[in-house]
C-alpha cells in the first residue's frame, strides 16, 4: 500500500487533484456570486 501512495506522489497525482478541487471550488463560488447579477433562475 505504501508503494501505491509513493507512486501517486511521484506522478504528482495528489497535487493535481488538490489543484483541481481548489480551482473547481473557486469557479463555483464565482458563478454563485455572478449569476444573480444577470437575473439567472435559481
PDB file of N, CA and C in Angstrom:
ATOM      1  N   UNK A   1       0.828  -1.203   0.000  1.00  0.00           N
ATOM      2  CA  UNK A   1       0.000   0.000   0.000  1.00  0.00           C
ATOM      3  C   UNK A   1       0.870   1.263   0.000  1.00  0.00           C
ATOM      4  N   UNK A   2       1.975   1.188   0.680  1.00  0.00           N
ATOM      5  CA  UNK A   2       2.886   2.329   0.726  1.00  0.00           C
ATOM      6  C   UNK A   2       3.450   2.631  -0.661  1.00  0.00           C
ATOM      7  N   UNK A   3       3.700   1.585  -1.446  1.00  0.00           N
ATOM      8  CA  UNK A   3       4.209   1.785  -2.805  1.00  0.00           C
ATOM      9  C   UNK A   3       3.196   2.524  -3.670  1.00  0.00           C
ATOM     10  N   UNK A   4       1.920   2.252  -3.416  1.00  0.00           N
ATOM     11  CA  UNK A   4       0.854   2.912  -4.173  1.00  0.00           C
ATOM     12  C   UNK A   4       0.894   4.416  -3.941  1.00  0.00           C
ATOM     13  N   UNK A   5       0.969   4.838  -2.674  1.00  0.00           N
ATOM     14  CA  UNK A   5       0.993   6.271  -2.367  1.00  0.00           C
ATOM     15  C   UNK A   5       2.291   6.921  -2.841  1.00  0.00           C
ATOM     16  N   UNK A   6       3.379   6.190  -2.766  1.00  0.00           N
ATOM     17  CA  UNK A   6       4.643   6.733  -3.287  1.00  0.00           C
ATOM     18  C   UNK A   6       4.558   6.950  -4.802  1.00  0.00           C
ATOM     19  N   UNK A   7       3.905   6.048  -5.485  1.00  0.00           N
ATOM     20  CA  UNK A   7       3.745   6.198  -6.937  1.00  0.00           C
ATOM     21  C   UNK A   7       2.841   7.386  -7.258  1.00  0.00           C
ATOM     22  N   UNK A   8       1.780   7.580  -6.463  1.00  0.00           N
ATOM     23  CA  UNK A   8       0.917   8.744  -6.668  1.00  0.00           C
ATOM     24  C   UNK A   8       1.694  10.033  -6.456  1.00  0.00           C
ATOM     25  N   UNK A   9       2.517  10.082  -5.427  1.00  0.00           N
ATOM     26  CA  UNK A   9       3.338  11.271  -5.176  1.00  0.00           C
ATOM     27  C   UNK A   9       4.320  11.492  -6.318  1.00  0.00           C
ATOM     28  N   UNK A  10       4.932  10.419  -6.799  1.00  0.00           N
ATOM     29  CA  UNK A  10       5.927  10.540  -7.864  1.00  0.00           C
ATOM     30  C   UNK A  10       5.308  11.105  -9.133  1.00  0.00           C
ATOM     31  N   UNK A  11       4.074  10.727  -9.397  1.00  0.00           N
ATOM     32  CA  UNK A  11       3.402  11.204 -10.616  1.00  0.00           C
ATOM     33  C   UNK A  11       2.639  12.506 -10.395  1.00  0.00           C
ATOM     34  N   UNK A  12       2.749  13.101  -9.230  1.00  0.00           N
ATOM     35  CA  UNK A  12       2.094  14.367  -8.886  1.00  0.00           C
ATOM     36  C   UNK A  12       0.570  14.281  -8.967  1.00  0.00           C
ATOM     37  N   UNK A  13       0.023  13.095  -8.729  1.00  0.00           N
ATOM     38  CA  UNK A  13      -1.423  12.920  -8.785  1.00  0.00           C
ATOM     39  C   UNK A  13      -2.086  13.675  -7.638  1.00  0.00           C
ATOM     40  N   UNK A  14      -1.490  13.616  -6.467  1.00  0.00           N
ATOM     41  CA  UNK A  14      -2.078  14.254  -5.295  1.00  0.00           C
ATOM     42  C   UNK A  14      -2.129  15.772  -5.482  1.00  0.00           C
ATOM     43  N   UNK A  15      -1.034  16.361  -5.943  1.00  0.00           N
ATOM     44  CA  UNK A  15      -1.009  17.815  -6.168  1.00  0.00           C
ATOM     45  C   UNK A  15      -2.009  18.219  -7.240  1.00  0.00           C
ATOM     46  N   UNK A  16      -2.102  17.435  -8.291  1.00  0.00           N
ATOM     47  CA  UNK A  16      -3.041  17.742  -9.363  1.00  0.00           C
ATOM     48  C   UNK A  16      -4.481  17.676  -8.875  1.00  0.00           C
ATOM     49  N   UNK A  17      -4.781  16.687  -8.057  1.00  0.00           N
ATOM     50  CA  UNK A  17      -6.134  16.541  -7.522  1.00  0.00           C
ATOM     51  C   UNK A  17      -6.495  17.712  -6.628  1.00  0.00           C
ATOM     52  N   UNK A  18      -5.580  18.105  -5.765  1.00  0.00           N
ATOM     53  CA  UNK A  18      -5.831  19.243  -4.875  1.00  0.00           C
ATOM     54  C   UNK A  18      -6.021  20.513  -5.691  1.00  0.00           C
ATOM     55  N   UNK A  19      -5.180  20.724  -6.703  1.00  0.00           N
ATOM     56  CA  UNK A  19      -5.301  21.916  -7.544  1.00  0.00           C
ATOM     57  C   UNK A  19      -6.643  21.926  -8.274  1.00  0.00           C
ATOM     58  N   UNK A  20      -7.057  20.772  -8.785  1.00  0.00           N
ATOM     59  CA  UNK A  20      -8.344  20.667  -9.482  1.00  0.00           C
ATOM     60  C   UNK A  20      -9.497  21.006  -8.546  1.00  0.00           C
ATOM     61  N   UNK A  21      -9.462  20.493  -7.323  1.00  0.00           N
ATOM     62  CA  UNK A  21     -10.527  20.777  -6.356  1.00  0.00           C
ATOM     63  C   UNK A  21     -10.577  22.253  -5.986  1.00  0.00           C
ATOM     64  N   UNK A  22      -9.416  22.868  -5.797  1.00  0.00           N
ATOM     65  CA  UNK A  22      -9.375  24.294  -5.439  1.00  0.00           C
ATOM     66  C   UNK A  22      -9.920  25.151  -6.579  1.00  0.00           C
ATOM     67  N   UNK A  23      -9.493  24.877  -7.806  1.00  0.00           N
ATOM     68  CA  UNK A  23      -9.973  25.647  -8.956  1.00  0.00           C
ATOM     69  C   UNK A  23     -11.466  25.446  -9.149  1.00  0.00           C
ATOM     70  N   UNK A  24     -11.937  24.226  -8.966  1.00  0.00           N
ATOM     71  CA  UNK A  24     -13.376  23.953  -9.097  1.00  0.00           C
ATOM     72  C   UNK A  24     -14.167  24.732  -8.065  1.00  0.00           C
ATOM     73  N   UNK A  25     -13.675  24.765  -6.826  1.00  0.00           N
ATOM     74  CA  UNK A  25     -14.364  25.497  -5.767  1.00  0.00           C
ATOM     75  C   UNK A  25     -14.412  26.995  -6.092  1.00  0.00           C
ATOM     76  N   UNK A  26     -13.315  27.550  -6.595  1.00  0.00           N
ATOM     77  CA  UNK A  26     -13.274  28.966  -6.950  1.00  0.00           C
ATOM     78  C   UNK A  26     -14.266  29.271  -8.066  1.00  0.00           C
ATOM     79  N   UNK A  27     -14.327  28.413  -9.084  1.00  0.00           N
ATOM     80  CA  UNK A  27     -15.264  28.620 -10.196  1.00  0.00           C
ATOM     81  C   UNK A  27     -16.704  28.568  -9.686  1.00  0.00           C
ATOM     82  N   UNK A  28     -17.007  27.632  -8.812  1.00  0.00           N
ATOM     83  CA  UNK A  28     -18.371  27.530  -8.267  1.00  0.00           C
ATOM     84  C   UNK A  28     -18.715  28.772  -7.463  1.00  0.00           C
ATOM     85  N   UNK A  29     -17.810  29.239  -6.612  1.00  0.00           N
ATOM     86  CA  UNK A  29     -18.069  30.434  -5.815  1.00  0.00           C
ATOM     87  C   UNK A  29     -18.254  31.661  -6.708  1.00  0.00           C
ATOM     88  N   UNK A  30     -17.443  31.802  -7.721  1.00  0.00           N
ATOM     89  CA  UNK A  30     -17.562  32.929  -8.644  1.00  0.00           C
ATOM     90  C   UNK A  30     -18.903  32.878  -9.372  1.00  0.00           C
ATOM     91  N   UNK A  31     -19.281  31.682  -9.815  1.00  0.00           N
ATOM     92  CA  UNK A  31     -20.547  31.517 -10.535  1.00  0.00           C
ATOM     93  C   UNK A  31     -21.729  31.855  -9.637  1.00  0.00           C
ATOM     94  N   UNK A  32     -21.685  31.400  -8.404  1.00  0.00           N
ATOM     95  CA  UNK A  32     -22.779  31.690  -7.473  1.00  0.00           C
ATOM     96  C   UNK A  32     -22.874  33.182  -7.170  1.00  0.00           C
ATOM     97  N   UNK A  33     -21.772  33.880  -7.218  1.00  0.00           N
ATOM     98  CA  UNK A  33     -21.779  35.318  -6.951  1.00  0.00           C
ATOM     99  C   UNK A  33     -22.224  36.120  -8.162  1.00  0.00           C
ATOM    100  N   UNK A  34     -21.931  35.650  -9.372  1.00  0.00           N
ATOM    101  CA  UNK A  34     -22.177  36.429 -10.578  1.00  0.00           C
ATOM    102  C   UNK A  34     -23.547  36.156 -11.194  1.00  0.00           C
ATOM    103  N   UNK A  35     -24.022  34.936 -11.159  1.00  0.00           N
ATOM    104  CA  UNK A  35     -25.275  34.601 -11.832  1.00  0.00           C
ATOM    105  C   UNK A  35     -26.475  35.439 -11.371  1.00  0.00           C
ATOM    106  N   UNK A  36     -26.640  35.707 -10.086  1.00  0.00           N
ATOM    107  CA  UNK A  36     -27.786  36.548  -9.680  1.00  0.00           C
ATOM    108  C   UNK A  36     -27.738  37.950 -10.306  1.00  0.00           C
ATOM    109  N   UNK A  37     -26.552  38.434 -10.619  1.00  0.00           N
ATOM    110  CA  UNK A  37     -26.412  39.749 -11.237  1.00  0.00           C
ATOM    111  C   UNK A  37     -27.109  39.794 -12.598  1.00  0.00           C
ATOM    112  N   UNK A  38     -27.061  38.683 -13.313  1.00  0.00           N
ATOM    113  CA  UNK A  38     -27.664  38.620 -14.637  1.00  0.00           C
ATOM    114  C   UNK A  38     -29.097  38.114 -14.600  1.00  0.00           C
ATOM    115  N   UNK A  39     -29.650  37.930 -13.414  1.00  0.00           N
ATOM    116  CA  UNK A  39     -31.035  37.506 -13.289  1.00  0.00           C
ATOM    117  C   UNK A  39     -31.251  36.052 -13.658  1.00  0.00           C
ATOM    118  N   UNK A  40     -30.238  35.225 -13.484  1.00  0.00           N
ATOM    119  CA  UNK A  40     -30.389  33.806 -13.793  1.00  0.00           C
ATOM    120  C   UNK A  40     -31.358  33.151 -12.820  1.00  0.00           C
ATOM    121  N   UNK A  41     -32.070  32.167 -13.296  1.00  0.00           N
ATOM    122  CA  UNK A  41     -33.039  31.470 -12.450  1.00  0.00           C
ATOM    123  C   UNK A  41     -32.316  30.705 -11.342  1.00  0.00           C
ATOM    124  N   UNK A  42     -32.970  30.595 -10.220  1.00  0.00           N
ATOM    125  CA  UNK A  42     -32.375  29.876  -9.074  1.00  0.00           C
ATOM    126  C   UNK A  42     -32.318  28.395  -9.333  1.00  0.00           C
TER     127      UNK A  42
END
